[in-house]
Amino acid sequence: MSASDLITTDPEILGGVPVFKGTRVPVKTLFEYLENGYSLDEFLECFPSVTRDLAGEVLECSERALLSPAAS
């Protein structure tokens, strides 16, 4: 799955901040929660519109993007 299947930007939703597709929850919020020591479960409890599958796919997509060698 690609990032565009998981994340959307729309000037009408939070001024174009990237959000989880189908929600108004900024993707950066997930990373902020994790960075501050909260678990994925705690994030999901606070943002029930984000499914576990969606959050997991975003994390996996981010990992692939960060760990894969840059294309030449």
PDB file of N, CA and C in Angstrom:
ATOM      1  N   MET A   1       0.846  -1.173   0.000  1.00  0.00           N
ATOM      2  CA  MET A   1       0.000   0.000   0.000  1.00  0.00           C
ATOM      3  C   MET A   1       0.897   1.243   0.000  1.00  0.00           C
ATOM      4  N   SER A   2       0.521   2.243  -0.753  1.00  0.00           N
ATOM      5  CA  SER A   2       1.322   3.463  -0.829  1.00  0.00           C
ATOM      6  C   SER A   2       0.795   4.508   0.148  1.00  0.00           C
ATOM      7  N   ALA A   3       1.613   5.516   0.386  1.00  0.00           N
ATOM      8  CA  ALA A   3       1.229   6.585   1.308  1.00  0.00           C
ATOM      9  C   ALA A   3      -0.066   7.260   0.864  1.00  0.00           C
ATOM     10  N   SER A   4      -0.270   7.399  -0.431  1.00  0.00           N
ATOM     11  CA  SER A   4      -1.485   8.069  -0.915  1.00  0.00           C
ATOM     12  C   SER A   4      -2.744   7.251  -0.653  1.00  0.00           C
ATOM     13  N   ASP A   5      -2.583   5.957  -0.387  1.00  0.00           N
ATOM     14  CA  ASP A   5      -3.729   5.125  -0.010  1.00  0.00           C
ATOM     15  C   ASP A   5      -4.077   5.293   1.464  1.00  0.00           C
ATOM     16  N   LEU A   6      -3.144   5.842   2.230  1.00  0.00           N
ATOM     17  CA  LEU A   6      -3.280   5.912   3.680  1.00  0.00           C
ATOM     18  C   LEU A   6      -3.459   7.321   4.222  1.00  0.00           C
ATOM     19  N   ILE A   7      -2.895   8.285   3.499  1.00  0.00           N
ATOM     20  CA  ILE A   7      -2.823   9.669   3.969  1.00  0.00           C
ATOM     21  C   ILE A   7      -3.403  10.580   2.904  1.00  0.00           C
ATOM     22  N   THR A   8      -4.077  11.623   3.344  1.00  0.00           N
ATOM     23  CA  THR A   8      -4.619  12.587   2.389  1.00  0.00           C
ATOM     24  C   THR A   8      -4.326  14.006   2.856  1.00  0.00           C
ATOM     25  N   THR A   9      -4.237  14.899   1.893  1.00  0.00           N
ATOM     26  CA  THR A   9      -4.127  16.323   2.192  1.00  0.00           C
ATOM     27  C   THR A   9      -5.207  17.041   1.405  1.00  0.00           C
ATOM     28  N   ASP A  10      -5.854  17.963   2.068  1.00  0.00           N
ATOM     29  CA  ASP A  10      -6.938  18.726   1.456  1.00  0.00           C
ATOM     30  C   ASP A  10      -6.948  20.095   2.117  1.00  0.00           C
ATOM     31  N   PRO A  11      -6.857  21.161   1.331  1.00  0.00           N
ATOM     32  CA  PRO A  11      -6.857  22.497   1.922  1.00  0.00           C
ATOM     33  C   PRO A  11      -8.085  22.768   2.802  1.00  0.00           C
ATOM     34  N   GLU A  12      -9.160  22.037   2.566  1.00  0.00           N
ATOM     35  CA  GLU A  12     -10.384  22.218   3.347  1.00  0.00           C
ATOM     36  C   GLU A  12     -10.354  21.451   4.675  1.00  0.00           C
ATOM     37  N   ILE A  13      -9.377  20.565   4.849  1.00  0.00           N
ATOM     38  CA  ILE A  13      -9.260  19.787   6.087  1.00  0.00           C
ATOM     39  C   ILE A  13      -7.970  20.194   6.784  1.00  0.00           C
ATOM     40  N   LEU A  14      -8.111  20.891   7.891  1.00  0.00           N
ATOM     41  CA  LEU A  14      -6.969  21.338   8.698  1.00  0.00           C
ATOM     42  C   LEU A  14      -5.934  22.096   7.876  1.00  0.00           C
ATOM     43  N   GLY A  15      -6.397  22.845   6.896  1.00  0.00           N
ATOM     44  CA  GLY A  15      -5.506  23.677   6.096  1.00  0.00           C
ATOM     45  C   GLY A  15      -4.506  22.905   5.253  1.00  0.00           C
ATOM     46  N   GLY A  16      -4.798  21.642   4.960  1.00  0.00           N
ATOM     47  CA  GLY A  16      -3.920  20.851   4.106  1.00  0.00           C
ATOM     48  C   GLY A  16      -2.898  20.010   4.848  1.00  0.00           C
ATOM     49  N   VAL A  17      -2.978  19.979   6.174  1.00  0.00           N
ATOM     50  CA  VAL A  17      -2.083  19.123   6.964  1.00  0.00           C
ATOM     51  C   VAL A  17      -2.363  17.663   6.592  1.00  0.00           C
ATOM     52  N   PRO A  18      -1.339  16.840   6.394  1.00  0.00           N
ATOM     53  CA  PRO A  18      -1.576  15.420   6.082  1.00  0.00           C
ATOM     54  C   PRO A  18      -2.331  14.725   7.222  1.00  0.00           C
ATOM     55  N   VAL A  19      -3.430  14.067   6.867  1.00  0.00           N
ATOM     56  CA  VAL A  19      -4.263  13.367   7.848  1.00  0.00           C
ATOM     57  C   VAL A  19      -4.444  11.920   7.411  1.00  0.00           C
ATOM     58  N   PHE A  20      -4.804  11.069   8.390  1.00  0.00           N
ATOM     59  CA  PHE A  20      -5.158   9.698   8.054  1.00  0.00           C
ATOM     60  C   PHE A  20      -6.378   9.743   7.147  1.00  0.00           C
ATOM     61  N   LYS A  21      -6.332   9.014   6.053  1.00  0.00           N
ATOM     62  CA  LYS A  21      -7.427   9.010   5.081  1.00  0.00           C
ATOM     63  C   LYS A  21      -8.750   8.683   5.769  1.00  0.00           C
ATOM     64  N   GLY A  22      -9.773   9.476   5.481  1.00  0.00           N
ATOM     65  CA  GLY A  22     -11.098   9.271   6.042  1.00  0.00           C
ATOM     66  C   GLY A  22     -11.286   9.857   7.428  1.00  0.00           C
ATOM     67  N   THR A  23     -10.272  10.603   7.910  1.00  0.00           N
ATOM     68  CA  THR A  23     -10.359  11.207   9.241  1.00  0.00           C
ATOM     69  C   THR A  23      -9.916  12.665   9.170  1.00  0.00           C
ATOM     70  N   ARG A  24      -9.940  13.305  10.322  1.00  0.00           N
ATOM     71  CA  ARG A  24      -9.374  14.641  10.470  1.00  0.00           C
ATOM     72  C   ARG A  24      -8.203  14.596  11.453  1.00  0.00           C
ATOM     73  N   VAL A  25      -7.606  13.431  11.600  1.00  0.00           N
ATOM     74  CA  VAL A  25      -6.506  13.241  12.553  1.00  0.00           C
ATOM     75  C   VAL A  25      -5.172  13.398  11.819  1.00  0.00           C
ATOM     76  N   PRO A  26      -4.376  14.393  12.204  1.00  0.00           N
ATOM     77  CA  PRO A  26      -3.075  14.567  11.560  1.00  0.00           C
ATOM     78  C   PRO A  26      -2.164  13.365  11.799  1.00  0.00           C
ATOM     79  N   VAL A  27      -1.468  12.946  10.765  1.00  0.00           N
ATOM     80  CA  VAL A  27      -0.541  11.824  10.870  1.00  0.00           C
ATOM     81  C   VAL A  27       0.558  12.142  11.880  1.00  0.00           C
ATOM     82  N   LYS A  28       0.978  13.394  11.929  1.00  0.00           N
ATOM     83  CA  LYS A  28       2.054  13.762  12.860  1.00  0.00           C
ATOM     84  C   LYS A  28       1.664  13.489  14.304  1.00  0.00           C
ATOM     85  N   THR A  29       0.371  13.462  14.596  1.00  0.00           N
ATOM     86  CA  THR A  29      -0.076  13.194  15.959  1.00  0.00           C
ATOM     87  C   THR A  29       0.338  11.799  16.401  1.00  0.00           C
ATOM     88  N   LEU A  30       0.259  10.824  15.510  1.00  0.00           N
ATOM     89  CA  LEU A  30       0.695   9.468  15.847  1.00  0.00           C
ATOM     90  C   LEU A  30       2.168   9.469  16.233  1.00  0.00           C
ATOM     91  N   PHE A  31       2.989  10.122  15.430  1.00  0.00           N
ATOM     92  CA  PHE A  31       4.421  10.144  15.711  1.00  0.00           C
ATOM     93  C   PHE A  31       4.725  10.921  16.986  1.00  0.00           C
ATOM     94  N   GLU A  32       3.982  11.977  17.252  1.00  0.00           N
ATOM     95  CA  GLU A  32       4.163  12.727  18.497  1.00  0.00           C
ATOM     96  C   GLU A  32       3.822  11.862  19.706  1.00  0.00           C
ATOM     97  N   TYR A  33       2.739  11.111  19.624  1.00  0.00           N
ATOM     98  CA  TYR A  33       2.365  10.210  20.721  1.00  0.00           C
ATOM     99  C   TYR A  33       3.469   9.195  20.975  1.00  0.00           C
ATOM    100  N   LEU A  34       3.936   8.553  19.921  1.00  0.00           N
ATOM    101  CA  LEU A  34       4.975   7.535  20.074  1.00  0.00           C
ATOM    102  C   LEU A  34       6.274   8.147  20.597  1.00  0.00           C
ATOM    103  N   GLU A  35       6.619   9.314  20.096  1.00  0.00           N
ATOM    104  CA  GLU A  35       7.833  10.002  20.530  1.00  0.00           C
ATOM    105  C   GLU A  35       7.773  10.341  22.021  1.00  0.00           C
ATOM    106  N   ASN A  36       6.583  10.619  22.510  1.00  0.00           N
ATOM    107  CA  ASN A  36       6.407  10.992  23.915  1.00  0.00           C
ATOM    108  C   ASN A  36       6.151   9.798  24.827  1.00  0.00           C
ATOM    109  N   GLY A  37       6.350   8.596  24.311  1.00  0.00           N
ATOM    110  CA  GLY A  37       6.287   7.407  25.142  1.00  0.00           C
ATOM    111  C   GLY A  37       4.934   6.740  25.254  1.00  0.00           C
ATOM    112  N   TYR A  38       3.951   7.232  24.515  1.00  0.00           N
ATOM    113  CA  TYR A  38       2.637   6.595  24.532  1.00  0.00           C
ATOM    114  C   TYR A  38       2.653   5.382  23.605  1.00  0.00           C
ATOM    115  N   SER A  39       1.803   4.440  23.894  1.00  0.00           N
ATOM    116  CA  SER A  39       1.709   3.242  23.055  1.00  0.00           C
ATOM    117  C   SER A  39       0.739   3.483  21.900  1.00  0.00           C
ATOM    118  N   LEU A  40       0.789   2.596  20.938  1.00  0.00           N
ATOM    119  CA  LEU A  40      -0.163   2.654  19.834  1.00  0.00           C
ATOM    120  C   LEU A  40      -1.583   2.508  20.370  1.00  0.00           C
ATOM    121  N   ASP A  41      -1.770   1.632  21.342  1.00  0.00           N
ATOM    122  CA  ASP A  41      -3.104   1.453  21.929  1.00  0.00           C
ATOM    123  C   ASP A  41      -3.625   2.747  22.546  1.00  0.00           C
ATOM    124  N   GLU A  42      -2.753   3.482  23.226  1.00  0.00           N
ATOM    125  CA  GLU A  42      -3.172   4.751  23.833  1.00  0.00           C
ATOM    126  C   GLU A  42      -3.566   5.763  22.756  1.00  0.00           C
ATOM    127  N   PHE A  43      -2.803   5.805  21.673  1.00  0.00           N
ATOM    128  CA  PHE A  43      -3.152   6.690  20.558  1.00  0.00           C
ATOM    129  C   PHE A  43      -4.521   6.317  20.002  1.00  0.00           C
ATOM    130  N   LEU A  44      -4.728   5.029  19.773  1.00  0.00           N
ATOM    131  CA  LEU A  44      -5.991   4.570  19.187  1.00  0.00           C
ATOM    132  C   LEU A  44      -7.174   4.840  20.108  1.00  0.00           C
ATOM    133  N   GLU A  45      -6.976   4.772  21.414  1.00  0.00           N
ATOM    134  CA  GLU A  45      -8.049   5.095  22.360  1.00  0.00           C
ATOM    135  C   GLU A  45      -8.449   6.560  22.246  1.00  0.00           C
ATOM    136  N   CYS A  46      -7.469   7.425  22.034  1.00  0.00           N
ATOM    137  CA  CYS A  46      -7.741   8.864  21.939  1.00  0.00           C
ATOM    138  C   CYS A  46      -8.297   9.272  20.576  1.00  0.00           C
ATOM    139  N   PHE A  47      -8.021   8.477  19.554  1.00  0.00           N
ATOM    140  CA  PHE A  47      -8.442   8.803  18.190  1.00  0.00           C
ATOM    141  C   PHE A  47      -9.132   7.589  17.565  1.00  0.00           C
ATOM    142  N   PRO A  48     -10.354   7.300  18.004  1.00  0.00           N
ATOM    143  CA  PRO A  48     -11.046   6.091  17.540  1.00  0.00           C
ATOM    144  C   PRO A  48     -11.374   6.081  16.047  1.00  0.00           C
ATOM    145  N   SER A  49     -11.295   7.223  15.383  1.00  0.00           N
ATOM    146  CA  SER A  49     -11.559   7.231  13.941  1.00  0.00           C
ATOM    147  C   SER A  49     -10.395   6.636  13.151  1.00  0.00           C
ATOM    148  N   VAL A  50      -9.236   6.475  13.789  1.00  0.00           N
ATOM    149  CA  VAL A  50      -8.082   5.839  13.150  1.00  0.00           C
ATOM    150  C   VAL A  50      -8.090   4.366  13.548  1.00  0.00           C
ATOM    151  N   THR A  51      -8.141   3.493  12.563  1.00  0.00           N
ATOM    152  CA  THR A  51      -8.145   2.058  12.862  1.00  0.00           C
ATOM    153  C   THR A  51      -6.720   1.569  13.133  1.00  0.00           C
ATOM    154  N   ARG A  52      -6.625   0.465  13.823  1.00  0.00           N
ATOM    155  CA  ARG A  52      -5.321  -0.151  14.092  1.00  0.00           C
ATOM    156  C   ARG A  52      -4.626  -0.494  12.771  1.00  0.00           C
ATOM    157  N   ASP A  53      -5.382  -1.018  11.815  1.00  0.00           N
ATOM    158  CA  ASP A  53      -4.794  -1.369  10.516  1.00  0.00           C
ATOM    159  C   ASP A  53      -4.225  -0.141   9.819  1.00  0.00           C
ATOM    160  N   LEU A  54      -4.976   0.955   9.836  1.00  0.00           N
ATOM    161  CA  LEU A  54      -4.524   2.177   9.171  1.00  0.00           C
ATOM    162  C   LEU A  54      -3.262   2.713   9.836  1.00  0.00           C
ATOM    163  N   ALA A  55      -3.255   2.797  11.148  1.00  0.00           N
ATOM    164  CA  ALA A  55      -2.070   3.288  11.863  1.00  0.00           C
ATOM    165  C   ALA A  55      -0.875   2.376  11.599  1.00  0.00           C
ATOM    166  N   GLY A  56      -1.094   1.078  11.633  1.00  0.00           N
ATOM    167  CA  GLY A  56      -0.014   0.128  11.381  1.00  0.00           C
ATOM    168  C   GLY A  56       0.551   0.253   9.982  1.00  0.00           C
ATOM    169  N   GLU A  57      -0.320   0.422   9.010  1.00  0.00           N
ATOM    170  CA  GLU A  57       0.133   0.578   7.619  1.00  0.00           C
ATOM    171  C   GLU A  57       0.947   1.862   7.452  1.00  0.00           C
ATOM    172  N   VAL A  58       0.528   2.943   8.107  1.00  0.00           N
ATOM    173  CA  VAL A  58       1.282   4.197   8.030  1.00  0.00           C
ATOM    174  C   VAL A  58       2.669   4.002   8.639  1.00  0.00           C
ATOM    175  N   LEU A  59       2.746   3.318   9.766  1.00  0.00           N
ATOM    176  CA  LEU A  59       4.046   3.063  10.387  1.00  0.00           C
ATOM    177  C   LEU A  59       4.924   2.198   9.488  1.00  0.00           C
ATOM    178  N   GLU A  60       4.351   1.169   8.894  1.00  0.00           N
ATOM    179  CA  GLU A  60       5.122   0.298   7.999  1.00  0.00           C
ATOM    180  C   GLU A  60       5.586   1.048   6.758  1.00  0.00           C
ATOM    181  N   CYS A  61       4.725   1.867   6.203  1.00  0.00           N
ATOM    182  CA  CYS A  61       5.074   2.655   5.016  1.00  0.00           C
ATOM    183  C   CYS A  61       6.205   3.635   5.355  1.00  0.00           C
ATOM    184  N   SER A  62       6.120   4.241   6.519  1.00  0.00           N
ATOM    185  CA  SER A  62       7.167   5.169   6.962  1.00  0.00           C
ATOM    186  C   SER A  62       8.489   4.440   7.152  1.00  0.00           C
ATOM    187  N   GLU A  63       8.426   3.261   7.742  1.00  0.00           N
ATOM    188  CA  GLU A  63       9.638   2.470   7.948  1.00  0.00           C
ATOM    189  C   GLU A  63      10.285   2.131   6.606  1.00  0.00           C
ATOM    190  N   ARG A  64       9.480   1.678   5.656  1.00  0.00           N
ATOM    191  CA  ARG A  64      10.017   1.337   4.328  1.00  0.00           C
ATOM    192  C   ARG A  64      10.669   2.552   3.681  1.00  0.00           C
ATOM    193  N   ALA A  65      10.016   3.700   3.792  1.00  0.00           N
ATOM    194  CA  ALA A  65      10.543   4.911   3.166  1.00  0.00           C
ATOM    195  C   ALA A  65      11.858   5.345   3.813  1.00  0.00           C
ATOM    196  N   LEU A  66      11.958   5.164   5.115  1.00  0.00           N
ATOM    197  CA  LEU A  66      13.159   5.600   5.819  1.00  0.00           C
ATOM    198  C   LEU A  66      14.319   4.618   5.702  1.00  0.00           C
ATOM    199  N   LEU A  67      14.023   3.340   5.575  1.00  0.00           N
ATOM    200  CA  LEU A  67      15.077   2.330   5.592  1.00  0.00           C
ATOM    201  C   LEU A  67      15.482   1.811   4.225  1.00  0.00           C
ATOM    202  N   SER A  68      14.696   2.120   3.198  1.00  0.00           N
ATOM    203  CA  SER A  68      15.060   1.631   1.869  1.00  0.00           C
ATOM    204  C   SER A  68      16.126   2.537   1.260  1.00  0.00           C
ATOM    205  N   PRO A  69      17.029   1.946   0.475  1.00  0.00           N
ATOM    206  CA  PRO A  69      18.063   2.753  -0.172  1.00  0.00           C
ATOM    207  C   PRO A  69      17.426   3.757  -1.135  1.00  0.00           C
ATOM    208  N   ALA A  70      18.025   4.911  -1.225  1.00  0.00           N
ATOM    209  CA  ALA A  70      17.522   5.944  -2.133  1.00  0.00           C
ATOM    210  C   ALA A  70      17.692   5.479  -3.574  1.00  0.00           C
ATOM    211  N   ALA A  71      16.697   5.787  -4.375  1.00  0.00           N
ATOM    212  CA  ALA A  71      16.776   5.441  -5.801  1.00  0.00           C
ATOM    213  C   ALA A  71      17.786   6.354  -6.480  1.00  0.00           C
ATOM    214  N   SER A  72      18.560   5.800  -7.393  1.00  0.00           N
ATOM    215  CA  SER A  72      19.564   6.610  -8.097  1.00  0.00           C
ATOM    216  C   SER A  72      18.959   7.225  -9.324  1.00  0.00           C
TER     217      SER A  72
END
